[in-house]
C-alpha atoms as a PDB file:
ATOM      1  CA  MET A   1       0.000   0.000   0.000  1.00  0.00           C
ATOM      2  CA  ALA A   2       1.388   3.431  -0.939  1.00  0.00           C
ATOM      3  CA  GLN A   3       1.123   6.490   1.232  1.00  0.00           C
ATOM      4  CA  GLN A   4       1.749  10.175   0.646  1.00  0.00           C
ATOM      5  CA  ASP A   5       4.763  11.474   2.540  1.00  0.00           C
ATOM      6  CA  GLY A   6       5.448  14.996   3.682  1.00  0.00           C
ATOM      7  CA  PRO A   7       3.903  18.304   2.758  1.00  0.00           C
ATOM      8  CA  GLU A   8       3.624  19.259  -0.868  1.00  0.00           C
ATOM      9  CA  SER A   9       6.015  22.012  -1.869  1.00  0.00           C
ATOM     10  CA  PRO A  10       4.536  24.753  -4.072  1.00  0.00           C
ATOM     11  CA  ASN A  11       7.943  25.189  -5.756  1.00  0.00           C
ATOM     12  CA  LEU A  12       8.268  21.538  -6.795  1.00  0.00           C
ATOM     13  CA  PRO A  13       4.801  20.197  -7.632  1.00  0.00           C
ATOM     14  CA  GLU A  14       6.284  17.495  -9.892  1.00  0.00           C
ATOM     15  CA  HIS A  15       7.984  15.844  -6.899  1.00  0.00           C
ATOM     16  CA  ARG A  16       5.209  13.847  -5.260  1.00  0.00           C
ATOM     17  CA  THR A  17       6.741  11.060  -3.227  1.00  0.00           C
ATOM     18  CA  THR A  18       5.215   7.840  -1.963  1.00  0.00           C
ATOM     19  CA  THR A  19       6.498   4.759  -0.203  1.00  0.00           C
ATOM     20  CA  MET A  20       5.675   1.229  -1.249  1.00  0.00           C
ATOM     21  CA  GLU A  21       6.232  -2.066   0.499  1.00  0.00           C
ATOM     22  CA  LYS A  22       7.600  -5.063  -1.374  1.00  0.00           C
ATOM     23  CA  GLY A  23       8.019  -8.057   0.855  1.00  0.00           C
ATOM     24  CA  ARG A  24      10.260  -7.104   3.770  1.00  0.00           C
ATOM     25  CA  PHE A  25      11.429  -3.912   2.109  1.00  0.00           C
ATOM     26  CA  CYS A  26      10.047  -0.412   1.703  1.00  0.00           C
ATOM     27  CA  LEU A  27      10.926   1.742  -1.308  1.00  0.00           C
ATOM     28  CA  ALA A  28      10.456   5.446  -1.945  1.00  0.00           C
ATOM     29  CA  HIS A  29       9.152   6.560  -5.363  1.00  0.00           C
ATOM     30  CA  CYS A  30       8.656   9.984  -6.914  1.00  0.00           C
ATOM     31  CA  SER A  31       6.377  11.167  -9.699  1.00  0.00           C
ATOM     32  CA  CYS A  32       9.477  12.460 -11.563  1.00  0.00           C
ATOM     33  CA  GLY A  33      10.700   8.858 -12.015  1.00  0.00           C
ATOM     34  CA  TRP A  34      13.212   8.729  -9.142  1.00  0.00           C
ATOM     35  CA  ARG A  35      13.305   5.566  -7.012  1.00  0.00           C
ATOM     36  CA  GLY A  36      15.114   5.192  -3.725  1.00  0.00           C
ATOM     37  CA  PRO A  37      16.961   2.129  -2.495  1.00  0.00           C
ATOM     38  CA  ALA A  38      15.112  -0.720  -0.809  1.00  0.00           C
ATOM     39  CA  ARG A  39      15.076  -0.223   2.944  1.00  0.00           C
ATOM     40  CA  ARG A  40      13.996  -2.470   5.787  1.00  0.00           C
ATOM     41  CA  ALA A  41      12.990   0.558   7.874  1.00  0.00           C
ATOM     42  CA  ARG A  42       9.964   2.512   6.642  1.00  0.00           C
ATOM     43  CA  SER A  43      11.309   5.597   8.392  1.00  0.00           C
ATOM     44  CA  GLN A  44      14.491   5.476   6.316  1.00  0.00           C
ATOM     45  CA  ALA A  45      12.507   5.156   3.077  1.00  0.00           C
ATOM     46  CA  ARG A  46      10.463   8.206   4.119  1.00  0.00           C
ATOM     47  CA  THR A  47      13.695  10.102   4.875  1.00  0.00           C
ATOM     48  CA  ASP A  48      15.016   9.189   1.406  1.00  0.00           C
ATOM     49  CA  ALA A  49      11.824  10.575  -0.144  1.00  0.00           C
ATOM     50  CA  GLU A  50      11.975  13.800   1.888  1.00  0.00           C
ATOM     51  CA  GLN A  51      15.616  14.366   0.955  1.00  0.00           C
ATOM     52  CA  HIS A  52      14.846  13.788  -2.723  1.00  0.00           C
ATOM     53  CA  ALA A  53      11.924  16.219  -2.703  1.00  0.00           C
ATOM     54  CA  THR A  54      14.065  19.016  -1.241  1.00  0.00           C
ATOM     55  CA  ARG A  55      16.842  18.700  -3.838  1.00  0.00           C
END
C-alpha cells in the first residue's frame, strides 16, 4: 500500500513522493521517475523521499 509522505512544496509540484512495500522492504518513489533504495525501515525510506523532494 502506498502512502503520501510529507507536505507538498509549491515550488516543486512534480515531486510527489510515496512509499511502497515489497516483501520485507520499503521503497520510496517519486512522480518524476526517481526511485530510492530498498530499505527495511519505513522511516528510512520516508527520509530518502523527503531528501529527494528538497533537492
